[in-house]
């Protein structure tokens, strides 16, 4: 495969105080970030001024643990933060061009709810909505929704596939020109352009139609984050953006080729999917400045927090009985996030890390790609992955907010632009237009599908 040209895509992944596990303790951090709307508004407007494609919000429907001491020490984003669709709807009113992507679980929602909420967000924002489709992985979330334990991994992905199918069908309940709103004739919509889904499947029975008109993008952009075998197959079938994690260039290129190679089986073109791995950049004007910033954050990691973090990433096992300066023990596969468990354990084995070294290694990026250096050093590595077909862009994970986003905008973006790797201005007004994604044709329409 030849090397590529063109420009890459960028998302701003807004974790409340920043992505480092100890970010909230940093002197420049907004400690109450998770429930501070002005904080999010400033970040969204800064990312839009810099021409990022989108802002991205994670979510969980539980605190992900009963260890109160751990939770009290981390400002863990799921302890005290806004519900994402509510927040994105508010941010739509203070931005104009940037995409608005929020997470919602297929395990603990119904398709009609999700179809309605994201279609509404797409209308409110003028075509900038995106849904990060996840299956959830935490038993603590399951216990908030009438379950003693989470669905098994295979079952939750089967549910997610049907969930995505139903949601897409609901988004096509109405053709684009169904609502004539003709006052003189007294006719609000054209009945021939209304379509009842009447879905009956293994997990869902949904009659429809959706009580929201077809949205500006046709369908909000579908983002997916799983990297397991089941996750890859679901992404090849349904995703338009993938948020993923790989540590090496080869692993990233292999993932890229594998998922894009599966798309033909679903009648899809590789360009219909943008792969945007997470990247955690700590940038300084000099290499020593970048390292000093990183070490300042590392010094704020409480050993109890680090141990609990590694325990969660390796499958939810309690590692407190093992020596911190010893290796990760042999661990069986669990029902939690399989791809993240494999990635974390492989990282420990590949770099021969102790439990303490591993928690310091993942305290920032939680298994995503971590870069510490000057603007040129960071762009060298981003460019390498982009031109070698290992990524279509990146979901930027600032270590501390707002400082980390400001550093990336002021220091890294000029170097990306100097090399012709990032846009000077938006190409369109919708998220699809800016990502270079086609607007989906309604399954009921005879009008040809439009290009990006």
Protein backbone atom coordinates (compact mmCIF):
# COMPACT_ATOMS: atom_id res chain seq x y z
CA UNK A 1 0.00 0.00 0.00
CA UNK A 2 1.41 3.39 -1.00
CA UNK A 3 1.85 6.25 1.44
CA UNK A 4 -0.97 8.75 1.53
CA UNK A 5 -1.39 12.51 1.23
CA UNK A 6 -4.11 14.91 2.32
CA UNK A 7 -4.99 16.11 5.78
CA UNK A 8 -5.89 14.24 8.94
CA UNK A 9 -8.94 14.61 11.19
CA UNK A 10 -8.83 15.75 14.80
CA UNK A 11 -11.19 15.30 17.71
CA UNK A 12 -10.90 16.99 21.10
CA UNK A 13 -11.72 14.38 23.75
CA UNK A 14 -12.91 16.48 26.69
CA UNK A 15 -12.47 14.52 29.90
CA UNK A 16 -13.55 16.89 32.70
CA UNK A 17 -10.26 18.05 34.28
CA UNK A 18 -8.02 16.23 31.81
CA UNK A 19 -7.08 12.65 30.95
CA UNK A 20 -4.28 12.06 33.42
CA UNK A 21 -5.61 10.14 36.41
CA UNK A 22 -4.33 12.90 38.72
CA UNK A 23 -5.30 15.81 36.45
CA UNK A 24 -7.76 17.35 38.89
CA UNK A 25 -4.91 17.87 41.42
CA UNK A 26 -2.85 19.95 38.97
CA UNK A 27 -2.60 23.65 39.96
CA UNK A 28 -4.02 24.76 36.59
CA UNK A 29 -6.92 22.28 36.51
CA UNK A 30 -10.58 23.15 36.92
CA UNK A 31 -11.37 20.90 39.88
CA UNK A 32 -15.18 21.12 39.46
CA UNK A 33 -14.91 20.67 35.68
CA UNK A 34 -17.45 17.87 35.39
CA UNK A 35 -20.33 20.13 36.41
CA UNK A 36 -18.98 23.48 35.19
CA UNK A 37 -20.71 24.46 31.96
CA UNK A 38 -18.59 27.56 31.38
CA UNK A 39 -15.50 25.33 31.47
CA UNK A 40 -16.90 23.10 28.71
CA UNK A 41 -18.13 26.07 26.67
CA UNK A 42 -14.67 27.66 26.66
CA UNK A 43 -13.05 24.37 25.62
CA UNK A 44 -15.58 23.74 22.84
CA UNK A 45 -15.15 27.26 21.48
CA UNK A 46 -11.34 26.96 21.61
CA UNK A 47 -11.47 23.66 19.72
CA UNK A 48 -13.82 25.17 17.14
CA UNK A 49 -11.58 28.22 16.65
CA UNK A 50 -8.72 25.78 16.01
CA UNK A 51 -10.91 23.93 13.41
CA UNK A 52 -11.08 20.57 15.18
CA UNK A 53 -13.57 18.24 13.53
CA UNK A 54 -15.37 17.37 16.73
CA UNK A 55 -15.50 17.31 20.48
CA UNK A 56 -15.95 13.91 22.07
CA UNK A 57 -17.55 13.09 25.42
CA UNK A 58 -17.23 9.74 27.16
CA UNK A 59 -19.85 8.49 29.58
CA UNK A 60 -20.72 5.76 32.02
CA UNK A 61 -23.95 5.17 33.91
CA UNK A 62 -22.37 4.30 37.23
CA UNK A 63 -19.37 5.20 39.37
CA UNK A 64 -17.56 2.02 38.30
CA UNK A 65 -16.60 0.83 41.72
CA UNK A 66 -17.37 0.60 45.41
CA UNK A 67 -13.92 1.65 46.59
CA UNK A 68 -14.89 4.98 48.14
CA UNK A 69 -11.30 5.82 49.06
CA UNK A 70 -10.22 5.37 45.43
CA UNK A 71 -13.15 7.37 44.10
CA UNK A 72 -12.55 10.22 46.53
CA UNK A 73 -8.95 10.52 45.35
CA UNK A 74 -9.45 10.55 41.59
CA UNK A 75 -12.21 12.94 40.47
CA UNK A 76 -13.12 10.00 38.27
CA UNK A 77 -15.20 11.39 35.46
CA UNK A 78 -18.18 9.15 36.21
CA UNK A 79 -18.47 10.27 39.82
CA UNK A 80 -19.65 13.81 39.11
CA UNK A 81 -20.20 14.92 35.53
CA UNK A 82 -22.95 16.06 33.17
CA UNK A 83 -24.99 13.62 31.12
CA UNK A 84 -23.46 14.05 27.64
CA UNK A 85 -26.49 14.63 25.39
CA UNK A 86 -27.76 17.33 27.72
CA UNK A 87 -24.33 18.97 27.74
CA UNK A 88 -23.88 18.72 23.96
CA UNK A 89 -27.30 20.30 23.39
CA UNK A 90 -26.19 23.26 25.47
CA UNK A 91 -22.84 23.44 23.65
CA UNK A 92 -24.67 23.45 20.32
CA UNK A 93 -26.02 26.89 21.25
CA UNK A 94 -22.54 28.38 21.81
CA UNK A 95 -20.78 26.82 18.78
CA UNK A 96 -21.48 26.78 15.04
CA UNK A 97 -19.26 24.33 13.13
CA UNK A 98 -17.62 21.78 15.38
CA UNK A 99 -19.06 18.26 15.63
CA UNK A 100 -20.70 17.15 18.88
CA UNK A 101 -20.14 13.46 19.70
CA UNK A 102 -21.52 11.86 22.85
CA UNK A 103 -21.44 8.35 24.29
CA UNK A 104 -24.56 6.29 24.92
CA UNK A 105 -24.67 2.60 25.78
CA UNK A 106 -26.63 0.00 23.81
CA UNK A 107 -26.71 -2.16 26.95
CA UNK A 108 -28.65 0.26 29.14
CA UNK A 109 -30.82 2.20 26.70
CA UNK A 110 -33.58 1.49 24.19
CA UNK A 111 -33.15 2.20 20.45
CA UNK A 112 -36.12 4.56 20.33
CA UNK A 113 -34.63 6.73 23.11
CA UNK A 114 -31.24 6.96 21.40
CA UNK A 115 -32.65 7.55 17.91
CA UNK A 116 -34.85 10.35 19.21
CA UNK A 117 -32.20 12.07 21.33
CA UNK A 118 -29.45 12.11 18.71
CA UNK A 119 -31.82 13.09 15.90
CA UNK A 120 -32.95 15.99 18.11
CA UNK A 121 -29.33 16.98 18.77
CA UNK A 122 -28.66 16.88 15.03
CA UNK A 123 -31.55 19.28 14.41
CA UNK A 124 -30.58 21.59 17.29
CA UNK A 125 -26.96 21.79 16.10
CA UNK A 126 -27.69 22.11 12.38
CA UNK A 127 -26.18 18.74 11.47
CA UNK A 128 -23.27 18.27 13.88
CA UNK A 129 -24.34 15.30 16.04
CA UNK A 130 -22.48 12.04 16.50
CA UNK A 131 -23.30 8.97 18.61
CA UNK A 132 -20.45 7.03 20.21
CA UNK A 133 -22.01 3.57 20.32
CA UNK A 134 -20.68 1.49 23.23
CA UNK A 135 -21.77 -1.73 24.89
CA UNK A 136 -20.50 -0.79 28.38
CA UNK A 137 -18.23 -3.15 30.31
CA UNK A 138 -18.88 -2.52 34.01
CA UNK A 139 -20.85 -4.70 36.40
CA UNK A 140 -21.48 -1.55 38.46
CA UNK A 141 -23.43 -0.05 35.58
CA UNK A 142 -25.51 -3.21 35.16
CA UNK A 143 -26.60 -3.05 38.79
CA UNK A 144 -28.19 0.34 38.15
CA UNK A 145 -30.46 -1.19 35.51
CA UNK A 146 -32.24 -4.13 37.13
CA UNK A 147 -29.41 -6.62 36.56
CA UNK A 148 -27.17 -8.55 38.95
CA UNK A 149 -24.40 -8.68 36.36
CA UNK A 150 -23.62 -7.36 32.90
CA UNK A 151 -24.58 -9.16 29.69
CA UNK A 152 -21.92 -11.61 28.50
CA UNK A 153 -19.48 -10.08 25.99
CA UNK A 154 -20.89 -11.92 22.96
CA UNK A 155 -24.48 -11.19 23.95
CA UNK A 156 -23.91 -7.48 24.46
CA UNK A 157 -22.34 -7.18 20.99
CA UNK A 158 -25.21 -9.11 19.43
CA UNK A 159 -27.58 -6.72 21.21
CA UNK A 160 -25.53 -3.75 19.98
CA UNK A 161 -25.70 -4.92 16.35
CA UNK A 162 -29.49 -5.17 16.49
CA UNK A 163 -29.67 -1.88 18.42
CA UNK A 164 -27.74 -0.11 15.64
CA UNK A 165 -29.97 -1.65 12.97
CA UNK A 166 -33.15 -0.49 14.73
CA UNK A 167 -31.79 2.99 15.39
CA UNK A 168 -30.87 3.42 11.73
CA UNK A 169 -34.32 2.26 10.71
CA UNK A 170 -35.95 4.78 13.02
CA UNK A 171 -33.80 7.58 11.59
CA UNK A 172 -35.32 6.66 8.22
CA UNK A 173 -38.92 6.89 9.47
CA UNK A 174 -39.48 9.99 7.38
CA UNK A 175 -38.09 10.93 3.98
CA UNK A 176 -36.22 14.21 3.77
CA UNK A 177 -39.15 16.12 2.24
CA UNK A 178 -41.96 14.40 4.18
CA UNK A 179 -42.98 17.49 6.18
CA UNK A 180 -44.69 19.83 3.74
CA UNK A 181 -46.40 21.93 6.47
CA UNK A 182 -48.90 23.29 3.95
CA UNK A 183 -51.17 25.68 5.85
CA UNK A 184 -53.46 26.39 2.91
CA UNK A 185 -54.21 22.69 2.30
CA UNK A 186 -54.14 21.83 5.99
CA UNK A 187 -51.60 19.08 5.46
CA UNK A 188 -48.62 18.84 7.81
CA UNK A 189 -46.83 15.88 6.20
CA UNK A 190 -47.05 13.66 3.12
CA UNK A 191 -48.38 10.28 4.29
CA UNK A 192 -46.60 8.46 1.47
CA UNK A 193 -43.25 9.55 2.92
CA UNK A 194 -43.89 8.16 6.39
CA UNK A 195 -42.49 4.67 7.04
CA UNK A 196 -43.31 2.38 9.96
CA UNK A 197 -40.36 0.21 10.98
CA UNK A 198 -42.30 -2.60 12.71
CA UNK A 199 -39.11 -4.33 13.88
CA UNK A 200 -39.33 -7.68 15.68
CA UNK A 201 -36.00 -9.16 16.64
CA UNK A 202 -34.15 -11.15 19.29
CA UNK A 203 -33.67 -8.21 21.65
CA UNK A 204 -36.10 -5.51 20.52
CA UNK A 205 -39.63 -4.99 19.27
CA UNK A 206 -40.02 -1.45 17.93
CA UNK A 207 -42.97 -0.39 15.81
CA UNK A 208 -42.10 3.24 15.02
CA UNK A 209 -42.11 5.65 13.33
CA UNK A 210 -39.77 8.03 15.13
CA UNK A 211 -41.49 11.24 16.23
CA UNK A 212 -38.62 13.42 14.94
CA UNK A 213 -38.18 14.46 11.31
CA UNK A 214 -35.21 13.08 9.37
CA UNK A 215 -32.25 15.06 10.60
CA UNK A 216 -29.91 17.37 8.63
CA UNK A 217 -27.22 14.67 8.27
CA UNK A 218 -29.78 11.98 7.43
CA UNK A 219 -28.28 9.96 10.26
CA UNK A 220 -26.06 11.39 13.01
CA UNK A 221 -22.50 10.14 12.57
CA UNK A 222 -21.98 6.77 14.30
CA UNK A 223 -18.75 6.39 16.28
CA UNK A 224 -17.62 3.10 17.80
CA UNK A 225 -14.87 2.31 20.27
CA UNK A 226 -14.53 -1.48 20.55
CA UNK A 227 -11.40 -3.25 19.29
CA UNK A 228 -12.18 -6.87 20.18
CA UNK A 229 -13.11 -9.31 17.42
CA UNK A 230 -16.81 -8.62 18.01
CA UNK A 231 -16.10 -4.88 18.18
CA UNK A 232 -14.21 -4.89 14.87
CA UNK A 233 -17.01 -6.70 13.10
CA UNK A 234 -19.62 -4.32 14.48
CA UNK A 235 -17.48 -1.35 13.42
CA UNK A 236 -17.04 -2.70 9.89
CA UNK A 237 -20.82 -3.01 9.61
CA UNK A 238 -22.03 0.16 11.33
CA UNK A 239 -19.30 2.63 12.35
CA UNK A 240 -18.31 5.81 10.52
CA UNK A 241 -15.58 6.75 13.01
CA UNK A 242 -13.59 4.40 15.27
CA UNK A 243 -11.98 5.59 18.50
CA UNK A 244 -9.35 2.96 19.25
CA UNK A 245 -6.06 2.32 21.08
CA UNK A 246 -2.83 0.77 19.79
CA UNK A 247 0.66 1.20 21.18
CA UNK A 248 2.82 0.50 18.13
CA UNK A 249 2.81 1.58 14.49
CA UNK A 250 2.54 -2.04 13.35
CA UNK A 251 -0.39 -2.79 15.63
CA UNK A 252 -2.15 0.38 14.46
CA UNK A 253 -1.55 -0.43 10.78
CA UNK A 254 -2.75 -4.01 11.26
CA UNK A 255 -5.94 -2.82 13.00
CA UNK A 256 -6.55 -0.23 10.26
CA UNK A 257 -6.16 -2.78 7.46
CA UNK A 258 -8.21 -5.43 9.26
CA UNK A 259 -11.27 -3.30 9.98
CA UNK A 260 -11.29 -1.55 6.61
CA UNK A 261 -10.80 -4.92 4.93
CA UNK A 262 -14.01 -6.23 6.51
CA UNK A 263 -16.21 -3.44 5.15
CA UNK A 264 -16.71 -4.85 1.64
CA UNK A 265 -18.72 -7.72 3.10
CA UNK A 266 -21.29 -5.12 4.19
CA UNK A 267 -21.29 -3.23 0.87
CA UNK A 268 -19.24 -0.39 2.32
CA UNK A 269 -16.22 1.52 0.96
CA UNK A 270 -13.13 2.02 3.19
CA UNK A 271 -13.56 5.79 2.91
CA UNK A 272 -16.93 5.46 4.68
CA UNK A 273 -15.01 4.91 7.94
CA UNK A 274 -12.46 7.18 9.65
CA UNK A 275 -10.15 5.52 12.17
CA UNK A 276 -9.10 8.02 14.85
CA UNK A 277 -7.00 6.48 17.66
CA UNK A 278 -6.64 8.25 20.98
CA UNK A 279 -3.43 10.20 21.54
CA UNK A 280 -2.29 11.70 24.86
CA UNK A 281 0.19 14.51 24.04
CA UNK A 282 2.33 16.37 26.55
CA UNK A 283 4.05 19.08 24.55
CA UNK A 284 6.77 21.53 25.53
CA UNK A 285 8.77 24.09 23.63
CA UNK A 286 11.77 21.95 24.50
CA UNK A 287 12.03 18.26 25.27
CA UNK A 288 13.05 19.01 28.85
CA UNK A 289 10.01 21.25 29.34
CA UNK A 290 7.70 18.48 28.10
CA UNK A 291 9.31 15.94 30.44
CA UNK A 292 9.03 18.33 33.36
CA UNK A 293 5.29 18.77 32.69
CA UNK A 294 4.86 15.02 32.57
CA UNK A 295 6.82 14.36 35.76
CA UNK A 296 4.80 16.99 37.60
CA UNK A 297 1.63 15.06 36.79
CA UNK A 298 3.20 11.70 37.61
CA UNK A 299 4.22 12.97 41.02
CA UNK A 300 0.53 13.52 41.85
CA UNK A 301 -0.45 9.86 41.38
CA UNK A 302 -1.40 8.23 44.67
CA UNK A 303 -0.20 4.57 44.74
CA UNK A 304 -3.70 3.44 45.79
CA UNK A 305 -5.14 5.18 42.74
CA UNK A 306 -2.52 3.68 40.45
CA UNK A 307 -3.15 0.18 41.73
CA UNK A 308 -6.92 0.52 41.34
CA UNK A 309 -6.45 1.89 37.81
CA UNK A 310 -4.35 -1.09 36.73
CA UNK A 311 -6.77 -3.49 38.40
CA UNK A 312 -9.60 -2.02 36.33
CA UNK A 313 -7.69 -2.05 33.05
CA UNK A 314 -6.58 -5.66 33.46
CA UNK A 315 -10.08 -7.02 33.91
CA UNK A 316 -11.26 -5.87 37.31
CA UNK A 317 -9.04 -8.15 39.41
CA UNK A 318 -7.95 -6.99 42.86
CA UNK A 319 -4.15 -6.75 42.63
CA UNK A 320 -3.65 -5.37 46.14
CA UNK A 321 -2.20 -8.68 47.40
CA UNK A 322 0.59 -8.60 44.83
CA UNK A 323 3.85 -6.63 45.36
CA UNK A 324 3.84 -3.25 43.60
CA UNK A 325 7.40 -3.83 42.43
CA UNK A 326 6.64 -7.29 41.09
CA UNK A 327 5.23 -8.31 37.69
CA UNK A 328 1.60 -8.50 36.66
CA UNK A 329 0.40 -12.03 37.54
CA UNK A 330 -1.17 -14.38 35.01
CA UNK A 331 -4.81 -13.31 34.73
CA UNK A 332 -7.76 -15.07 33.07
CA UNK A 333 -10.01 -13.40 30.51
CA UNK A 334 -12.99 -11.58 32.01
CA UNK A 335 -16.36 -10.24 30.94
CA UNK A 336 -15.03 -6.67 31.06
CA UNK A 337 -13.47 -4.78 28.11
CA UNK A 338 -11.49 -7.55 26.42
CA UNK A 339 -9.50 -5.33 24.05
CA UNK A 340 -8.34 -3.02 26.85
CA UNK A 341 -7.40 -5.97 29.08
CA UNK A 342 -5.29 -7.51 26.31
CA UNK A 343 -3.66 -4.19 25.41
CA UNK A 344 -2.69 -3.41 29.03
CA UNK A 345 -1.28 -6.85 29.79
CA UNK A 346 0.64 -6.95 26.49
CA UNK A 347 2.13 -3.53 27.29
CA UNK A 348 3.33 -4.81 30.67
CA UNK A 349 4.85 -7.94 29.14
CA UNK A 350 6.45 -6.15 26.17
CA UNK A 351 8.14 -3.50 28.33
CA UNK A 352 8.76 -5.85 31.30
CA UNK A 353 6.91 -3.52 33.68
CA UNK A 354 6.17 -4.03 37.34
CA UNK A 355 2.70 -3.19 38.67
CA UNK A 356 4.02 0.20 39.88
CA UNK A 357 5.72 0.94 36.54
CA UNK A 358 2.58 -0.12 34.69
CA UNK A 359 0.28 2.19 36.64
CA UNK A 360 2.65 5.08 36.02
CA UNK A 361 2.82 4.09 32.35
CA UNK A 362 -0.98 4.16 31.94
CA UNK A 363 -1.87 6.91 34.45
CA UNK A 364 -2.15 9.44 31.65
CA UNK A 365 -3.57 7.72 28.61
CA UNK A 366 -5.19 4.61 30.18
CA UNK A 367 -3.73 2.44 27.42
CA UNK A 368 -3.91 4.99 24.60
CA UNK A 369 -0.87 6.29 22.75
CA UNK A 370 1.24 8.59 24.94
CA UNK A 371 3.57 11.20 23.41
CA UNK A 372 5.91 13.49 25.36
CA UNK A 373 8.07 15.93 23.43
CA UNK A 374 8.41 19.05 21.31
CA UNK A 375 5.88 20.03 18.63
CA UNK A 376 8.14 18.65 15.89
CA UNK A 377 8.67 15.36 17.74
CA UNK A 378 4.96 14.89 18.30
CA UNK A 379 4.01 15.78 14.72
CA UNK A 380 6.71 13.41 13.40
CA UNK A 381 4.93 10.53 15.11
CA UNK A 382 1.41 11.62 14.15
CA UNK A 383 2.51 12.02 10.56
CA UNK A 384 4.17 8.60 10.53
CA UNK A 385 0.94 6.87 11.52
CA UNK A 386 -1.17 8.95 9.14
CA UNK A 387 0.95 8.51 6.00
CA UNK A 388 1.46 4.79 6.65
CA UNK A 389 -2.29 4.02 6.78
CA UNK A 390 -2.39 3.43 10.51
CA UNK A 391 -4.84 6.28 11.25
CA UNK A 392 -7.12 8.75 9.44
CA UNK A 393 -6.73 11.20 12.31
CA UNK A 394 -6.60 11.31 16.08
CA UNK A 395 -8.79 11.89 19.10
CA UNK A 396 -6.64 14.24 21.16
CA UNK A 397 -6.70 13.53 24.92
CA UNK A 398 -5.31 16.60 26.73
CA UNK A 399 -3.53 15.61 29.96
CA UNK A 400 -4.89 18.61 31.91
CA UNK A 401 -7.62 21.03 30.92
CA UNK A 402 -7.59 23.74 29.79
CA UNK A 403 -3.77 23.87 29.63
CA UNK A 404 -3.31 20.69 27.58
CA UNK A 405 -5.70 21.77 24.83
CA UNK A 406 -4.16 25.24 24.72
CA UNK A 407 -0.67 23.74 24.34
CA UNK A 408 -1.79 21.51 21.49
CA UNK A 409 -3.52 24.36 19.66
CA UNK A 410 -0.66 26.85 20.08
CA UNK A 411 2.28 24.49 19.59
CA UNK A 412 1.27 21.40 17.63
CA UNK A 413 -1.33 22.69 15.18
CA UNK A 414 1.01 25.26 13.56
CA UNK A 415 3.49 22.46 12.81
CA UNK A 416 0.74 20.21 11.42
CA UNK A 417 -0.41 23.05 9.18
CA UNK A 418 3.14 23.90 8.10
CA UNK A 419 3.42 20.33 6.80
CA UNK A 420 0.01 20.49 5.09
CA UNK A 421 -1.46 17.87 7.42
CA UNK A 422 -4.38 19.83 8.87
CA UNK A 423 -7.00 22.21 7.52
CA UNK A 424 -6.94 25.99 7.67
CA UNK A 425 -10.75 26.19 7.73
CA UNK A 426 -13.81 23.95 7.78
CA UNK A 427 -14.94 22.38 4.51
CA UNK A 428 -18.64 22.43 5.37
CA UNK A 429 -21.21 23.06 8.06
CA UNK A 430 -22.10 19.50 9.07
CA UNK A 431 -19.94 16.95 10.83
CA UNK A 432 -20.25 14.63 7.82
CA UNK A 433 -19.04 17.31 5.43
CA UNK A 434 -16.02 18.08 7.56
CA UNK A 435 -15.09 14.43 8.06
CA UNK A 436 -15.54 13.67 4.37
CA UNK A 437 -18.38 11.22 4.99
CA UNK A 438 -21.30 10.70 2.66
CA UNK A 439 -24.82 11.62 3.72
CA UNK A 440 -26.71 8.32 3.96
CA UNK A 441 -29.57 7.77 1.60
CA UNK A 442 -32.86 6.84 3.24
CA UNK A 443 -33.68 3.19 2.66
CA UNK A 444 -37.09 4.37 1.42
CA UNK A 445 -35.91 7.09 -0.97
CA UNK A 446 -35.37 6.87 -4.71
CA UNK A 447 -33.12 9.96 -4.67
CA UNK A 448 -29.43 9.05 -5.33
CA UNK A 449 -27.06 9.15 -2.35
CA UNK A 450 -25.17 12.43 -2.11
CA UNK A 451 -21.41 12.75 -1.77
CA UNK A 452 -19.53 14.35 1.10
